[in-house]
Amino acid sequence: MKLIKYLMAALAVCTMALAQPAFAEDKGLIAISMPTKSSSRWIADGSNMVKVFKEKGYRTDLQYAEDDIPNQLAQIENMITKGAKVLVIAAIDGTTLSDALQKAADKGIKVIAYDRLIKNSKNVDYYATFDNFEVGVLQAGYIERALYLKTAKGPLNIELFGGSPDDNNAFFFYNGAMSVLKPYIDSGKLVVRSKQMGMDKVSTLRWDGAVAQSRMDNLLSAYYTQARVDAVLSPYDGLSIGILSSLKGVGYGKGGVAMPVVTGQDAEVPSVKSILAGEQTTTIFKDTRELAKVTAGMVDAVLGGKAPEINDTKTYNNGVKVVPSYLLKPVLVDKSNWHHILIDSGYYKESQIK
């Protein structure tokens, strides 16, 4: 009987062992440094990367610096000390990380710039992002179509907003948009009544919506008491919400006064709701799930001693080197396609929007 009991117990142990789920091997620590939680897109970026990396067998250390540059530097240095194999960094200020990245390189840690180019460092191995120039082209192209600029007589009034001057992407967004709009401005069909053009005049530090709202207030009171704003180029939804508040404050969107065309980027929930309400006109969707997959693929390749897939070797010069990059395509969203792009794809649930 003892032998039978022993055999049955052994069989039970074996059965339990076989029933246990198969865990992926521990392939090491991947450190992810994000700029802030103040934008929902960065929260989505972090969550998507943690999910993809864990599925591939990596441990992750995800940190948010809350737009505090010394805080991000301290977090990155701590990640290096913890023994991260790869640093994935969306920089607050792409010019401030050179010393930290040299420490990483000295320890053989690879660095992937995530959606924001890290400047002035030879120790940036790869860059995963979207086609940022194309973002601006899409925004301005929408303005061109909505105002019928190819056939309109004009003049029509536009004001320009740029992103944060310490974010390299902001210049690509602005330059992409101006590649479409500048010929109309030069011809007089589009008029910037404030004459504020160029990133030195239209940038918005830290992508702060309150700063954008204050600037729009000033523009309206100085230049538009007797004139109409027909369009506002806004590179990001967080700025657009502030701009819209300013416009609504002086009567746009009510009493038969139509809203101007107002662009945006990131398809954040408040802006999607605003589009459906007839306020913001359009936004640019960047699928962070796909960017997370591209980044994880880069990590896998780098740690496996292989060259990762890239599709751009010319565009992103960080001041020291051209950083090999993979660019994903941005997608324009408006009232006509929001459900297909954002809901049918599973990015949002309809209950989040309505």
Protein backbone atom coordinates (compact mmCIF):
# COMPACT_ATOMS: atom_id res chain seq x y z
CA MET A 1 0.00 0.00 0.00
CA LYS A 2 2.85 2.40 0.83
CA LEU A 3 4.36 1.81 -2.60
CA ILE A 4 1.01 2.46 -4.29
CA LYS A 5 0.52 5.69 -2.28
CA TYR A 6 4.05 6.82 -3.16
CA LEU A 7 3.50 6.17 -6.86
CA MET A 8 0.16 8.01 -6.81
CA ALA A 9 1.72 11.01 -5.05
CA ALA A 10 4.59 11.08 -7.53
CA LEU A 11 2.11 10.93 -10.41
CA ALA A 12 0.13 13.82 -8.91
CA VAL A 13 3.30 15.94 -8.61
CA CYS A 14 4.19 15.22 -12.24
CA THR A 15 0.68 16.07 -13.38
CA MET A 16 0.78 19.38 -11.50
CA ALA A 17 4.16 20.20 -13.01
CA LEU A 18 2.85 19.54 -16.50
CA ALA A 19 -0.21 21.66 -15.81
CA GLN A 20 1.88 24.73 -14.90
CA PRO A 21 1.95 27.45 -17.59
CA ALA A 22 5.12 27.74 -19.60
CA PHE A 23 6.88 30.96 -18.64
CA ALA A 24 9.07 32.78 -21.12
CA GLU A 25 12.74 32.79 -20.26
CA ASP A 26 14.09 35.88 -18.52
CA LYS A 27 15.90 37.70 -21.32
CA GLY A 28 17.00 40.61 -19.16
CA LEU A 29 15.91 44.08 -18.08
CA ILE A 30 14.68 46.70 -20.55
CA ALA A 31 14.49 50.21 -19.09
CA ILE A 32 11.84 52.58 -20.48
CA SER A 33 12.10 56.30 -19.76
CA MET A 34 8.98 58.32 -20.65
CA PRO A 35 8.66 62.11 -20.37
CA THR A 36 5.32 62.62 -18.60
CA LYS A 37 1.94 61.22 -17.63
CA SER A 38 0.26 64.55 -18.40
CA SER A 39 -0.48 63.32 -21.93
CA SER A 40 -2.52 60.15 -22.31
CA ARG A 41 -0.47 59.14 -25.34
CA TRP A 42 2.68 58.65 -23.20
CA ILE A 43 0.72 56.51 -20.76
CA ALA A 44 -0.41 54.38 -23.69
CA ASP A 45 3.16 54.20 -25.03
CA GLY A 46 4.49 52.95 -21.70
CA SER A 47 1.72 50.39 -21.20
CA ASN A 48 2.05 49.04 -24.72
CA MET A 49 5.81 48.63 -24.44
CA VAL A 50 5.61 46.85 -21.09
CA LYS A 51 3.04 44.45 -22.55
CA VAL A 52 5.07 43.67 -25.68
CA PHE A 53 8.38 43.30 -23.85
CA LYS A 54 6.88 41.00 -21.22
CA GLU A 55 5.37 38.83 -23.95
CA LYS A 56 8.87 38.49 -25.39
CA GLY A 57 10.34 37.43 -22.04
CA TYR A 58 11.92 40.68 -20.85
CA ARG A 59 11.59 42.36 -17.48
CA THR A 60 10.83 46.08 -17.67
CA ASP A 61 11.52 49.19 -15.61
CA LEU A 62 9.10 51.92 -16.73
CA GLN A 63 9.64 55.41 -15.32
CA TYR A 64 7.92 58.75 -15.99
CA ALA A 65 9.87 61.96 -15.35
CA GLU A 66 6.89 64.37 -15.31
CA ASP A 67 8.64 66.84 -17.64
CA ASP A 68 11.45 67.37 -15.12
CA ILE A 69 14.82 67.11 -16.90
CA PRO A 70 16.96 66.43 -13.77
CA ASN A 71 14.41 63.81 -12.75
CA GLN A 72 14.72 62.03 -16.09
CA LEU A 73 18.52 62.11 -15.88
CA ALA A 74 18.43 60.64 -12.37
CA GLN A 75 16.01 57.92 -13.48
CA ILE A 76 18.20 56.97 -16.46
CA GLU A 77 21.33 56.83 -14.31
CA ASN A 78 19.47 54.57 -11.88
CA MET A 79 18.39 52.34 -14.77
CA ILE A 80 22.04 52.02 -15.82
CA THR A 81 22.99 51.07 -12.26
CA LYS A 82 20.24 48.42 -12.19
CA GLY A 83 21.90 46.68 -15.15
CA ALA A 84 19.44 47.37 -17.95
CA LYS A 85 20.47 45.76 -21.21
CA VAL A 86 18.76 48.40 -23.34
CA LEU A 87 17.53 51.92 -22.62
CA VAL A 88 14.40 53.04 -24.48
CA ILE A 89 14.16 56.80 -24.02
CA ALA A 90 11.56 59.39 -25.00
CA ALA A 91 13.53 62.46 -23.99
CA ILE A 92 12.04 65.58 -22.39
CA ASP A 93 14.89 67.64 -23.80
CA GLY A 94 16.79 65.79 -26.50
CA THR A 95 19.98 67.78 -25.85
CA THR A 96 20.61 66.98 -22.17
CA LEU A 97 21.44 63.27 -22.09
CA SER A 98 24.96 63.03 -23.52
CA ASP A 99 26.77 62.33 -20.23
CA ALA A 100 24.23 59.70 -19.12
CA LEU A 101 24.39 57.96 -22.50
CA GLN A 102 28.18 57.85 -22.33
CA LYS A 103 27.85 56.02 -19.00
CA ALA A 104 25.47 53.59 -20.69
CA ALA A 105 27.87 53.04 -23.59
CA ASP A 106 30.75 52.41 -21.18
CA LYS A 107 28.70 49.53 -19.76
CA GLY A 108 27.71 48.18 -23.16
CA ILE A 109 24.09 49.27 -22.81
CA LYS A 110 22.33 49.97 -26.10
CA VAL A 111 20.11 53.04 -26.53
CA ILE A 112 16.97 53.41 -28.61
CA ALA A 113 15.48 56.88 -28.96
CA TYR A 114 11.71 56.52 -28.81
CA ASP A 115 9.60 58.96 -30.87
CA ARG A 116 11.83 61.91 -29.86
CA LEU A 117 15.33 62.15 -31.27
CA ILE A 118 18.16 62.37 -28.73
CA LYS A 119 20.54 65.10 -29.88
CA ASN A 120 24.30 65.63 -29.66
CA SER A 121 25.28 62.09 -28.69
CA LYS A 122 27.14 59.40 -30.62
CA ASN A 123 25.65 56.82 -28.23
CA VAL A 124 22.18 56.64 -29.78
CA ASP A 125 22.00 53.33 -31.60
CA TYR A 126 18.56 53.48 -33.24
CA TYR A 127 15.46 55.62 -33.45
CA ALA A 128 11.85 54.34 -33.53
CA THR A 129 9.27 56.95 -34.50
CA PHE A 130 6.60 58.06 -36.94
CA ASP A 131 7.17 60.05 -40.11
CA ASN A 132 7.08 63.39 -38.33
CA PHE A 133 7.42 65.55 -41.43
CA GLU A 134 4.42 63.72 -42.88
CA VAL A 135 2.42 64.59 -39.73
CA GLY A 136 2.76 68.27 -40.61
CA VAL A 137 1.97 67.60 -44.26
CA LEU A 138 -1.24 65.81 -43.27
CA GLN A 139 -2.31 68.63 -40.93
CA ALA A 140 -1.66 71.35 -43.48
CA GLY A 141 -3.14 69.28 -46.31
CA TYR A 142 -6.38 69.09 -44.36
CA ILE A 143 -6.41 72.88 -43.99
CA GLU A 144 -5.73 73.20 -47.72
CA ARG A 145 -8.73 71.02 -48.57
CA ALA A 146 -11.08 72.40 -45.92
CA LEU A 147 -10.50 75.99 -47.06
CA TYR A 148 -10.48 75.04 -50.76
CA LEU A 149 -7.19 76.87 -51.10
CA LYS A 150 -6.49 75.57 -54.59
CA THR A 151 -9.56 77.36 -55.94
CA ALA A 152 -10.44 79.97 -53.28
CA LYS A 153 -9.76 83.62 -54.03
CA GLY A 154 -8.83 84.56 -50.49
CA PRO A 155 -7.47 86.19 -48.50
CA LEU A 156 -8.14 83.77 -45.62
CA ASN A 157 -6.67 84.16 -42.14
CA ILE A 158 -4.55 81.55 -40.37
CA GLU A 159 -2.50 81.49 -37.18
CA LEU A 160 0.35 79.06 -36.56
CA PHE A 161 1.30 77.14 -33.44
CA GLY A 162 4.41 75.04 -32.94
CA GLY A 163 5.41 72.42 -30.41
CA SER A 164 8.08 72.54 -27.74
CA PRO A 165 11.41 73.94 -28.99
CA ASP A 166 13.38 71.31 -27.04
CA ASP A 167 11.57 68.49 -28.90
CA ASN A 168 13.18 67.80 -32.28
CA ASN A 169 9.87 66.48 -33.62
CA ALA A 170 8.28 69.92 -33.26
CA PHE A 171 10.48 71.25 -36.05
CA PHE A 172 9.58 68.36 -38.35
CA PHE A 173 5.85 68.92 -37.70
CA TYR A 174 6.18 72.64 -38.42
CA ASN A 175 8.38 72.24 -41.49
CA GLY A 176 6.07 69.57 -42.91
CA ALA A 177 3.09 71.86 -42.50
CA MET A 178 4.87 74.86 -43.98
CA SER A 179 5.87 72.85 -47.05
CA VAL A 180 2.14 72.93 -47.87
CA LEU A 181 1.07 76.29 -46.44
CA LYS A 182 3.95 78.62 -47.30
CA PRO A 183 3.15 78.94 -51.02
CA TYR A 184 -0.36 80.13 -50.09
CA ILE A 185 1.08 82.55 -47.52
CA ASP A 186 3.64 83.86 -50.02
CA SER A 187 0.91 84.45 -52.61
CA GLY A 188 -1.33 86.28 -50.12
CA LYS A 189 -4.15 83.73 -50.33
CA LEU A 190 -3.43 82.82 -46.70
CA VAL A 191 -2.66 85.65 -44.29
CA VAL A 192 -1.00 85.36 -40.87
CA ARG A 193 -2.33 88.61 -39.44
CA SER A 194 -0.01 88.46 -36.41
CA LYS A 195 2.98 87.95 -38.74
CA GLN A 196 4.19 85.38 -36.18
CA MET A 197 5.93 82.70 -38.20
CA GLY A 198 8.89 80.42 -37.56
CA MET A 199 9.50 78.16 -34.57
CA ASP A 200 11.31 80.97 -32.74
CA LYS A 201 7.98 82.82 -32.58
CA VAL A 202 5.27 80.13 -32.55
CA SER A 203 6.75 77.36 -30.36
CA THR A 204 5.00 76.26 -27.14
CA LEU A 205 7.35 75.14 -24.37
CA ARG A 206 6.60 71.66 -22.97
CA TRP A 207 3.56 71.39 -25.26
CA ASP A 208 1.59 73.28 -22.59
CA GLY A 209 -2.08 73.78 -23.48
CA ALA A 210 -2.45 76.68 -21.03
CA VAL A 211 0.40 78.52 -22.77
CA ALA A 212 -1.27 77.94 -26.14
CA GLN A 213 -4.60 79.22 -24.80
CA SER A 214 -2.97 82.37 -23.42
CA ARG A 215 -1.20 83.03 -26.73
CA MET A 216 -4.45 82.51 -28.67
CA ASP A 217 -6.20 84.95 -26.31
CA ASN A 218 -3.54 87.55 -27.12
CA LEU A 219 -3.75 86.92 -30.87
CA LEU A 220 -7.54 87.28 -30.88
CA SER A 221 -7.54 90.52 -28.90
CA ALA A 222 -4.69 92.07 -30.90
CA TYR A 223 -5.54 91.05 -34.47
CA TYR A 224 -9.06 89.63 -34.74
CA THR A 225 -11.52 92.03 -33.14
CA GLN A 226 -12.71 92.95 -36.64
CA ALA A 227 -11.53 89.90 -38.58
CA ARG A 228 -12.25 86.19 -38.62
CA VAL A 229 -9.81 83.36 -37.93
CA ASP A 230 -10.34 80.80 -40.69
CA ALA A 231 -7.79 78.20 -39.57
CA VAL A 232 -5.34 77.43 -36.76
CA LEU A 233 -2.42 75.10 -37.33
CA SER A 234 -2.02 73.21 -34.05
CA PRO A 235 0.52 70.36 -33.90
CA TYR A 236 -0.92 68.57 -30.84
CA ASP A 237 -4.32 67.87 -29.28
CA GLY A 238 -3.29 69.27 -25.89
CA LEU A 239 -2.62 72.64 -27.54
CA SER A 240 -5.77 72.38 -29.64
CA ILE A 241 -8.00 72.09 -26.56
CA GLY A 242 -6.50 75.31 -25.17
CA ILE A 243 -6.83 77.09 -28.52
CA LEU A 244 -10.46 76.00 -28.80
CA SER A 245 -11.24 77.31 -25.31
CA SER A 246 -9.89 80.68 -26.36
CA LEU A 247 -11.91 80.69 -29.59
CA LYS A 248 -15.11 79.68 -27.83
CA GLY A 249 -14.48 82.43 -25.29
CA VAL A 250 -14.91 85.10 -27.96
CA GLY A 251 -17.95 83.53 -29.59
CA TYR A 252 -16.75 81.04 -32.17
CA GLY A 253 -18.95 77.96 -32.38
CA LYS A 254 -22.18 79.68 -31.35
CA GLY A 255 -24.68 82.21 -32.66
CA GLY A 256 -24.02 81.15 -36.23
CA VAL A 257 -20.27 81.85 -35.98
CA ALA A 258 -18.53 78.77 -37.36
CA MET A 259 -15.41 77.39 -35.73
CA PRO A 260 -12.15 77.77 -37.67
CA VAL A 261 -10.40 74.69 -39.00
CA VAL A 262 -8.30 73.48 -36.05
CA THR A 263 -5.82 70.62 -36.42
CA GLY A 264 -4.26 68.37 -33.79
CA GLN A 265 -2.25 65.22 -33.15
CA ASP A 266 -2.34 62.05 -31.02
CA ALA A 267 -6.10 61.33 -31.17
CA GLU A 268 -6.51 61.90 -27.45
CA VAL A 269 -9.99 61.16 -26.13
CA PRO A 270 -10.98 64.79 -25.33
CA SER A 271 -10.03 65.84 -28.85
CA VAL A 272 -11.90 62.95 -30.49
CA LYS A 273 -14.96 64.03 -28.50
CA SER A 274 -14.33 67.60 -29.61
CA ILE A 275 -14.21 66.50 -33.25
CA LEU A 276 -17.55 64.74 -32.88
CA ALA A 277 -18.96 67.89 -31.25
CA GLY A 278 -17.97 69.96 -34.28
CA GLU A 279 -15.21 71.93 -32.54
CA GLN A 280 -11.74 70.55 -33.33
CA THR A 281 -11.66 69.57 -36.99
CA THR A 282 -9.06 66.84 -37.25
CA THR A 283 -6.26 65.02 -35.46
CA ILE A 284 -3.40 62.71 -36.39
CA PHE A 285 -3.46 59.15 -35.06
CA LYS A 286 -0.18 57.45 -34.25
CA ASP A 287 -0.73 53.83 -33.23
CA THR A 288 1.50 53.36 -30.20
CA ARG A 289 0.84 49.61 -30.28
CA GLU A 290 2.73 49.40 -33.57
CA LEU A 291 5.54 51.63 -32.31
CA ALA A 292 5.93 49.36 -29.28
CA LYS A 293 6.23 46.34 -31.59
CA VAL A 294 8.87 48.07 -33.73
CA THR A 295 10.84 49.03 -30.63
CA ALA A 296 10.68 45.51 -29.20
CA GLY A 297 11.82 44.14 -32.55
CA MET A 298 14.81 46.49 -32.45
CA VAL A 299 15.69 45.29 -28.94
CA ASP A 300 15.42 41.64 -29.95
CA ALA A 301 17.69 42.18 -32.93
CA VAL A 302 20.28 44.24 -31.05
CA LEU A 303 20.55 41.76 -28.18
CA GLY A 304 20.66 38.89 -30.66
CA GLY A 305 23.63 40.43 -32.43
CA LYS A 306 21.62 41.26 -35.54
CA ALA A 307 20.86 44.50 -37.35
CA PRO A 308 17.26 45.60 -36.69
CA GLU A 309 14.89 46.48 -39.49
CA ILE A 310 15.18 50.15 -40.44
CA ASN A 311 13.67 52.17 -43.29
CA ASP A 312 15.43 55.54 -43.00
CA THR A 313 19.16 56.25 -42.94
CA LYS A 314 19.16 59.90 -44.03
CA THR A 315 16.61 62.02 -42.18
CA TYR A 316 17.56 62.10 -38.51
CA ASN A 317 20.94 63.71 -37.95
CA ASN A 318 21.29 64.34 -34.22
CA GLY A 319 24.22 66.72 -34.61
CA VAL A 320 26.83 64.00 -34.22
CA LYS A 321 25.56 61.19 -36.42
CA VAL A 322 22.67 60.15 -38.61
CA VAL A 323 20.66 57.79 -36.42
CA PRO A 324 19.30 54.71 -38.25
CA SER A 325 15.53 54.91 -37.91
CA TYR A 326 12.27 53.09 -38.47
CA LEU A 327 9.41 55.41 -39.43
CA LEU A 328 5.77 54.42 -39.08
CA LYS A 329 3.00 56.12 -41.05
CA PRO A 330 0.69 58.58 -39.25
CA VAL A 331 -3.03 58.54 -40.09
CA LEU A 332 -5.36 61.51 -40.37
CA VAL A 333 -8.62 61.24 -38.42
CA ASP A 334 -11.76 63.35 -38.69
CA LYS A 335 -15.52 62.92 -38.32
CA SER A 336 -15.72 60.71 -41.39
CA ASN A 337 -13.31 57.94 -40.36
CA TRP A 338 -12.80 58.12 -36.58
CA HIS A 339 -14.84 55.00 -35.85
CA HIS A 340 -13.02 52.83 -38.36
CA ILE A 341 -9.55 54.05 -37.37
CA LEU A 342 -9.93 54.25 -33.60
CA ILE A 343 -12.77 51.90 -32.60
CA ASP A 344 -12.77 49.12 -35.19
CA SER A 345 -8.99 48.77 -34.73
CA GLY A 346 -9.48 48.19 -31.01
CA TYR A 347 -7.41 51.21 -29.96
CA TYR A 348 -10.34 52.67 -28.05
CA LYS A 349 -13.65 51.30 -26.88
CA GLU A 350 -16.68 53.20 -28.12
CA SER A 351 -17.72 53.78 -24.50
CA GLN A 352 -14.55 55.87 -24.01
CA ILE A 353 -15.66 58.29 -26.68
CA LYS A 354 -19.46 58.45 -26.30
